Amino acid sequence: MPELSKILPAAALTLAATLTLGAAPAASSPVSTAFTLPGARVFPEGIASDARTGTVYVGSYADGTVYRARPGARTAEVFLPSGTDGRRTANGLRVDAARGRLWVTDSTSGVSVYDTASGVRLAHFEVAGDGPRFVNDLTLTPDGTAYLTDSVRAVVYRVTPAQVRAGSGALTPAYDLSGHLTPSPAGSYTLNGITSDPAGRYLLVVDMTAGDLHRVDLRTGELGRVALTGGDLKAADGLDLSPAGVLRVAHNLPNTLTRWQVGADGRRARLVHGITDASLQIPTTLTHTAGRTLVVRSQFDKDGGPFTPSTGAPGTFTVASVRGL
C-alpha cells in the first residue's frame, strides 16, 4: 500500500479533526494490547478470528507470514512461514469456521485457502492476465463463497465453493465498480475493505479515497452507494459487520475507529461512535468477536514499512484490544 501516504494525508487529517464523537482522553484510553507478534519486520495488515475455537490469525504485509494466537496467548506463533506456497504478502484474512478453512490474500497475485488444523493449502486462485493489480481484502458469505477487492482495478472477484473443491483456477471479476466510483486522483487506491451481511444478501465495499461505501446486491447484481449520515469513510481500511447491523471500521492514517449502524437493507448507515488514538499505530483492519474488538497495529509509517517518508524505527508489533467500539 505505498501510495496511500501520498494520496490520503489531507483526508486523514480532516477525519481525525472532525471525528471527536466518543473520543476518550489519553488517561482513560480504551486501547490496550491483546498480544504481541514475534519479529522485527512484521508490519501486520490482516486479521481474522475463528468463532469456533477463538483462535486469531494475523498476516504480515512485509513477507507473507501468517501468525496464530490461541485463546489466552500473550504472544502469537508462526502458523504459515514467510514464503509458504510462494506467498509474498498476507493482507486480507478470513476464517470459514464451519469448514475449517483460512483464506489469505496475497496482494501481488491472488488468494489461497488453508486447512486451519494442518496448515495445508487446499486451493489457490490467481488474477488472470497481466497489468497492475492489488488484491486487498475479502469476505465470506454463509454458503462459503468468497468475494475479494482489487484496489487498483476497482473490481470485486468471486470464488465459489465448487471452485475451491476444484483446487485452483483464475481469479476473475464478478462485479466492476469502476464506473460507479467518485472520481479520484490518478493512481489512487479505491476499493479496500469488504464485508457481507450475515444473510448473504449483499456486500458492503469501501472506497477509501472518496470515503464512499458501496452496496452490491448479490441477488440482482445491483450496484448502489450507501447513504452515510454523520460522517464519511475516508482512509477506511478494514470493515466488520455484525449480525445486528453494526459496522466497525478501521481508518488507517488518522488512527481512528468508527462504529456505524447500518439499515436493515444495507442502503443507509449512521455514524454512532468514533475513537481516535495515536496508540492504534495506523490500524489497518479489525475483527469483533466474543465481546471484544481486536485491531491490527500496522506501524506502516515506520522504517521498513510501505509508507514514505518513515517516522523512525518500529517498536514491538502488536494487536490491540479496544473497549467500547
Protein backbone atom coordinates (compact mmCIF):
# COMPACT_ATOMS: atom_id res chain seq x y z
CA MET A 1 0.00 0.00 0.00
CA PRO A 2 2.85 2.51 -0.59
CA GLU A 3 0.73 5.05 -2.43
CA LEU A 4 -1.64 5.64 0.48
CA SER A 5 0.66 8.04 2.28
CA LYS A 6 0.82 10.20 -0.83
CA ILE A 7 -2.88 10.43 -1.62
CA LEU A 8 -4.60 10.45 1.75
CA PRO A 9 -2.83 12.74 4.24
CA ALA A 10 -5.27 15.63 3.85
CA ALA A 11 -8.29 13.36 4.15
CA ALA A 12 -6.76 11.66 7.15
CA LEU A 13 -6.12 14.92 8.96
CA THR A 14 -9.64 16.12 8.23
CA LEU A 15 -11.15 12.91 9.55
CA ALA A 16 -9.06 12.98 12.72
CA ALA A 17 -10.05 16.56 13.35
CA THR A 18 -13.78 16.04 12.83
CA LEU A 19 -14.32 12.65 14.44
CA THR A 20 -14.41 13.71 18.07
CA LEU A 21 -17.59 11.77 18.74
CA GLY A 22 -16.87 9.41 21.62
CA ALA A 23 -13.13 10.17 21.71
CA ALA A 24 -11.54 9.31 25.05
CA PRO A 25 -8.83 11.31 26.81
CA ALA A 26 -5.37 9.72 26.97
CA ALA A 27 -5.68 8.98 30.68
CA SER A 28 -8.64 6.68 30.03
CA SER A 29 -7.64 5.29 26.65
CA PRO A 30 -9.85 2.37 25.57
CA VAL A 31 -6.89 0.85 23.74
CA SER A 32 -4.73 -1.89 25.28
CA THR A 33 -2.51 -4.69 23.95
CA ALA A 34 -4.10 -8.08 23.33
CA PHE A 35 -0.98 -9.96 22.20
CA THR A 36 2.39 -9.41 20.51
CA LEU A 37 3.70 -10.63 17.16
CA PRO A 38 7.25 -12.04 17.09
CA GLY A 39 9.67 -10.48 14.63
CA ALA A 40 11.37 -7.17 13.86
CA ARG A 41 9.73 -6.54 10.45
CA VAL A 42 6.20 -7.89 10.76
CA PHE A 43 4.18 -4.85 9.58
CA PRO A 44 0.86 -6.70 10.03
CA GLU A 45 -2.18 -5.87 7.97
CA GLY A 46 -4.85 -8.59 8.02
CA ILE A 47 -6.66 -10.23 10.93
CA ALA A 48 -9.33 -12.90 11.25
CA SER A 49 -10.87 -14.78 14.16
CA ASP A 50 -12.23 -18.32 14.31
CA ALA A 51 -15.58 -18.11 16.08
CA ARG A 52 -15.49 -21.84 16.73
CA THR A 53 -12.09 -22.06 18.50
CA GLY A 54 -11.33 -18.46 19.50
CA THR A 55 -8.05 -18.59 17.56
CA VAL A 56 -6.95 -15.35 15.90
CA TYR A 57 -4.84 -15.18 12.73
CA VAL A 58 -2.75 -12.17 11.65
CA GLY A 59 -0.97 -11.65 8.32
CA SER A 60 2.29 -9.82 7.58
CA TYR A 61 2.26 -7.37 4.70
CA ALA A 62 6.09 -7.36 4.71
CA ASP A 63 6.75 -11.02 3.93
CA GLY A 64 3.53 -13.05 3.93
CA THR A 65 3.94 -14.75 7.29
CA VAL A 66 0.65 -15.74 8.93
CA TYR A 67 0.63 -15.79 12.74
CA ARG A 68 -1.73 -17.65 15.05
CA ALA A 69 -2.75 -16.57 18.55
CA ARG A 70 -4.58 -19.21 20.54
CA PRO A 71 -7.09 -18.15 23.24
CA GLY A 72 -5.30 -16.58 26.20
CA ALA A 73 -1.92 -16.35 24.44
CA ARG A 74 0.08 -13.18 25.03
CA THR A 75 2.39 -13.88 22.08
CA ALA A 76 1.35 -15.25 18.70
CA GLU A 77 3.18 -18.09 16.96
CA VAL A 78 4.06 -18.57 13.31
CA PHE A 79 1.38 -20.64 11.58
CA LEU A 80 2.39 -20.23 7.92
CA PRO A 81 6.05 -19.18 7.48
CA SER A 82 7.18 -16.44 5.15
CA GLY A 83 7.22 -17.58 1.53
CA THR A 84 4.91 -20.56 2.08
CA ASP A 85 3.50 -21.54 -1.32
CA GLY A 86 5.26 -18.51 -2.84
CA ARG A 87 3.16 -16.07 -0.81
CA ARG A 88 4.79 -12.62 -0.65
CA THR A 89 2.19 -10.70 1.36
CA ALA A 90 -0.71 -11.62 3.64
CA ASN A 91 -3.03 -8.65 3.75
CA GLY A 92 -6.59 -9.99 3.73
CA LEU A 93 -7.61 -12.86 6.05
CA ARG A 94 -10.93 -14.57 6.79
CA VAL A 95 -11.81 -17.76 8.63
CA ASP A 96 -14.55 -20.05 7.36
CA ALA A 97 -15.12 -21.64 10.78
CA ALA A 98 -17.82 -24.04 9.60
CA ARG A 99 -15.47 -25.59 7.06
CA GLY A 100 -12.19 -25.24 8.97
CA ARG A 101 -10.57 -23.00 6.37
CA LEU A 102 -8.40 -19.89 6.45
CA TRP A 103 -8.42 -17.61 3.41
CA VAL A 104 -5.31 -15.47 2.82
CA THR A 105 -4.89 -12.90 0.06
CA ASP A 106 -1.54 -12.04 -1.49
CA SER A 107 -1.87 -8.54 -2.93
CA THR A 108 0.58 -9.37 -5.72
CA SER A 109 -1.20 -12.43 -7.06
CA GLY A 110 -4.46 -13.70 -5.59
CA VAL A 111 -5.77 -15.81 -2.73
CA SER A 112 -5.03 -19.17 -1.09
CA VAL A 113 -7.21 -21.37 1.11
CA TYR A 114 -5.64 -23.31 4.01
CA ASP A 115 -6.82 -26.01 6.39
CA THR A 116 -6.83 -24.44 9.86
CA ALA A 117 -5.85 -27.71 11.56
CA SER A 118 -2.88 -28.70 9.40
CA GLY A 119 -1.89 -25.55 7.54
CA VAL A 120 -2.07 -27.47 4.25
CA ARG A 121 -3.06 -25.37 1.25
CA LEU A 122 -6.35 -26.61 -0.19
CA ALA A 123 -6.81 -24.22 -3.12
CA HIS A 124 -5.20 -21.27 -4.87
CA PHE A 125 -6.53 -18.64 -7.29
CA GLU A 126 -4.55 -16.01 -9.21
CA VAL A 127 -5.62 -12.88 -11.07
CA ALA A 128 -5.89 -13.61 -14.78
CA GLY A 129 -3.85 -11.60 -17.27
CA ASP A 130 -1.11 -9.03 -16.93
CA GLY A 131 -1.08 -5.48 -15.64
CA PRO A 132 -1.35 -3.80 -12.25
CA ARG A 133 -3.39 -5.43 -9.50
CA PHE A 134 -3.68 -5.19 -5.73
CA VAL A 135 -5.82 -7.97 -4.29
CA ASN A 136 -6.69 -6.46 -0.95
CA ASP A 137 -9.44 -7.74 1.32
CA LEU A 138 -12.11 -10.43 1.27
CA THR A 139 -15.36 -11.54 2.86
CA LEU A 140 -17.21 -14.86 3.03
CA THR A 141 -20.95 -15.40 2.65
CA PRO A 142 -22.80 -18.19 4.52
CA ASP A 143 -22.62 -20.60 1.57
CA GLY A 144 -18.80 -20.41 1.57
CA THR A 145 -18.43 -18.06 -1.41
CA ALA A 146 -15.58 -15.56 -1.16
CA TYR A 147 -15.61 -12.02 -2.55
CA LEU A 148 -12.36 -10.04 -2.86
CA THR A 149 -11.50 -6.43 -3.66
CA ASP A 150 -8.83 -5.15 -6.02
CA SER A 151 -7.71 -1.66 -5.03
CA VAL A 152 -6.18 -0.87 -8.43
CA ARG A 153 -8.71 -2.39 -10.79
CA ALA A 154 -11.80 -1.38 -8.76
CA VAL A 155 -13.37 -4.80 -9.20
CA VAL A 156 -14.73 -7.48 -6.86
CA TYR A 157 -13.64 -11.04 -7.57
CA ARG A 158 -15.64 -14.13 -6.62
CA VAL A 159 -14.57 -17.67 -5.68
CA THR A 160 -17.32 -20.28 -5.29
CA PRO A 161 -17.27 -23.46 -3.15
CA ALA A 162 -17.17 -25.52 -6.37
CA GLN A 163 -14.01 -23.70 -7.42
CA VAL A 164 -12.43 -24.40 -4.04
CA ARG A 165 -13.21 -28.09 -4.44
CA ALA A 166 -11.53 -27.99 -7.86
CA GLY A 167 -8.39 -26.71 -6.14
CA SER A 168 -7.15 -23.87 -8.35
CA GLY A 169 -8.07 -21.50 -11.13
CA ALA A 170 -8.17 -17.92 -12.35
CA LEU A 171 -9.42 -15.10 -10.15
CA THR A 172 -11.83 -13.24 -12.40
CA PRO A 173 -14.07 -10.21 -11.69
CA ALA A 174 -17.68 -10.72 -10.69
CA TYR A 175 -18.52 -7.01 -10.27
CA ASP A 176 -16.88 -3.98 -11.86
CA LEU A 177 -17.40 -0.84 -9.76
CA SER A 178 -15.04 1.44 -11.69
CA GLY A 179 -17.85 3.30 -13.43
CA HIS A 180 -19.72 3.86 -10.16
CA LEU A 181 -16.89 5.41 -8.12
CA THR A 182 -16.43 9.07 -7.30
CA PRO A 183 -13.53 10.34 -9.47
CA SER A 184 -10.23 10.24 -7.55
CA PRO A 185 -6.69 11.44 -8.34
CA ALA A 186 -4.82 9.32 -10.88
CA GLY A 187 -3.01 6.44 -9.23
CA SER A 188 -5.25 6.42 -6.15
CA TYR A 189 -6.25 3.21 -4.47
CA THR A 190 -10.04 2.86 -4.37
CA LEU A 191 -11.75 -0.32 -3.16
CA ASN A 192 -10.34 -1.68 0.08
CA GLY A 193 -12.35 -3.26 2.91
CA ILE A 194 -15.27 -5.54 2.14
CA THR A 195 -17.88 -7.27 4.30
CA SER A 196 -21.16 -9.09 3.79
CA ASP A 197 -24.40 -9.17 5.71
CA PRO A 198 -24.97 -12.35 7.75
CA ALA A 199 -27.82 -13.47 5.50
CA GLY A 200 -25.66 -13.26 2.38
CA ARG A 201 -27.93 -10.74 0.66
CA TYR A 202 -25.40 -8.02 -0.13
CA LEU A 203 -21.80 -6.86 0.10
CA LEU A 204 -20.54 -3.56 1.50
CA VAL A 205 -17.35 -2.27 -0.13
CA VAL A 206 -15.48 0.88 0.85
CA ASP A 207 -13.79 3.36 -1.49
CA MET A 208 -11.07 4.59 0.86
CA THR A 209 -10.07 7.63 -1.19
CA ALA A 210 -13.54 9.06 -1.84
CA GLY A 211 -14.87 7.96 1.54
CA ASP A 212 -17.89 6.25 -0.02
CA LEU A 213 -19.50 2.93 0.92
CA HIS A 214 -20.92 0.86 -1.92
CA ARG A 215 -23.57 -1.86 -1.78
CA VAL A 216 -23.57 -4.86 -4.11
CA ASP A 217 -26.84 -6.80 -4.25
CA LEU A 218 -25.89 -10.49 -4.56
CA ARG A 219 -29.31 -11.47 -5.89
CA THR A 220 -29.75 -8.87 -8.63
CA GLY A 221 -26.22 -7.56 -9.16
CA GLU A 222 -27.42 -4.02 -8.48
CA LEU A 223 -24.65 -1.58 -7.52
CA GLY A 224 -25.50 1.36 -5.28
CA ARG A 225 -23.96 3.87 -2.92
CA VAL A 226 -24.88 3.64 0.77
CA ALA A 227 -26.30 6.87 2.18
CA LEU A 228 -23.98 7.88 5.05
CA THR A 229 -25.14 10.13 7.88
CA GLY A 230 -22.82 11.86 10.34
CA GLY A 231 -19.50 11.33 8.55
CA ASP A 232 -17.69 9.56 5.74
CA LEU A 233 -15.27 6.69 5.27
CA LYS A 234 -12.13 8.43 4.05
CA ALA A 235 -8.98 6.42 4.81
CA ALA A 236 -11.20 3.46 5.71
CA ASP A 237 -9.36 0.16 5.50
CA GLY A 238 -10.91 -2.84 7.29
CA LEU A 239 -14.65 -3.44 7.78
CA ASP A 240 -16.51 -5.74 10.19
CA LEU A 241 -20.31 -6.11 10.06
CA SER A 242 -22.12 -7.81 12.95
CA PRO A 243 -25.48 -9.63 12.76
CA ALA A 244 -27.12 -6.65 14.46
CA GLY A 245 -26.13 -4.36 11.61
CA VAL A 246 -23.22 -2.75 13.48
CA LEU A 247 -20.42 -1.83 11.09
CA ARG A 248 -16.99 -1.30 12.65
CA VAL A 249 -14.35 0.45 10.54
CA ALA A 250 -10.58 0.97 10.83
CA HIS A 251 -9.37 4.27 9.30
CA ASN A 252 -5.63 3.82 8.91
CA LEU A 253 -3.74 7.12 8.69
CA PRO A 254 -5.84 9.13 11.17
CA ASN A 255 -5.59 6.36 13.80
CA THR A 256 -9.36 6.26 14.02
CA LEU A 257 -12.00 3.59 14.55
CA THR A 258 -15.69 4.22 13.89
CA ARG A 259 -18.94 2.39 14.56
CA TRP A 260 -21.93 2.74 12.27
CA GLN A 261 -25.49 1.47 12.43
CA VAL A 262 -26.48 0.00 9.08
CA GLY A 263 -30.12 -0.09 7.99
CA ALA A 264 -31.90 -3.42 7.61
CA ASP A 265 -31.50 -3.42 3.83
CA GLY A 266 -27.91 -2.12 3.84
CA ARG A 267 -28.75 1.06 1.96
CA ARG A 268 -28.15 3.54 4.82
CA ALA A 269 -25.59 3.85 7.60
CA ARG A 270 -25.37 6.29 10.50
CA LEU A 271 -22.21 7.18 12.43
CA VAL A 272 -22.71 6.27 16.09
CA HIS A 273 -19.29 6.39 17.73
CA GLY A 274 -15.66 7.18 16.99
CA ILE A 275 -12.29 6.73 18.68
CA THR A 276 -9.10 8.49 17.62
CA ASP A 277 -5.99 7.34 19.48
CA ALA A 278 -2.33 7.54 18.41
CA SER A 279 -1.65 4.24 20.16
CA LEU A 280 -3.56 2.47 17.37
CA GLN A 281 -0.38 2.92 15.28
CA ILE A 282 -2.02 3.01 11.84
CA PRO A 283 -4.88 0.48 12.25
CA THR A 284 -5.44 -1.43 9.02
CA THR A 285 -8.26 -3.76 9.98
CA LEU A 286 -10.20 -5.25 12.86
CA THR A 287 -12.31 -8.18 13.99
CA HIS A 288 -15.07 -8.15 16.58
CA THR A 289 -15.69 -11.38 18.43
CA ALA A 290 -16.63 -12.63 21.88
CA GLY A 291 -17.37 -9.12 23.13
CA ARG A 292 -14.06 -7.55 22.13
CA THR A 293 -12.65 -5.72 19.14
CA LEU A 294 -9.14 -6.67 18.05
CA VAL A 295 -7.30 -4.16 15.87
CA VAL A 296 -4.13 -4.56 13.82
CA ARG A 297 -1.39 -2.03 14.67
CA SER A 298 0.43 -1.95 11.34
CA GLN A 299 3.14 0.67 12.05
CA PHE A 300 3.21 1.22 8.30
CA ASP A 301 4.77 4.65 8.82
CA LYS A 302 7.92 3.24 10.44
CA ASP A 303 11.29 2.28 8.92
CA GLY A 304 10.79 -0.70 6.62
CA GLY A 305 7.05 -0.13 6.26
CA PRO A 306 5.29 0.78 2.99
CA PHE A 307 4.56 4.44 3.82
CA THR A 308 7.02 7.18 2.92
CA PRO A 309 8.59 9.13 4.41
CA SER A 310 9.13 6.99 7.51
CA THR A 311 8.83 8.37 11.04
CA GLY A 312 11.50 6.27 12.77
CA ALA A 313 12.18 2.72 13.87
CA PRO A 314 9.21 0.46 14.62
CA GLY A 315 8.50 -0.81 18.10
CA THR A 316 7.21 -4.22 19.08
CA PHE A 317 4.45 -5.32 16.72
CA THR A 318 1.16 -5.97 18.49
CA VAL A 319 -2.57 -6.40 18.10
CA ALA A 320 -4.71 -4.02 20.15
CA SER A 321 -7.86 -4.74 22.14
CA VAL A 322 -10.33 -1.85 22.12
CA ARG A 323 -13.14 -1.24 24.57
CA GLY A 324 -16.42 0.41 23.76
CA LEU A 325 -16.39 0.16 19.99
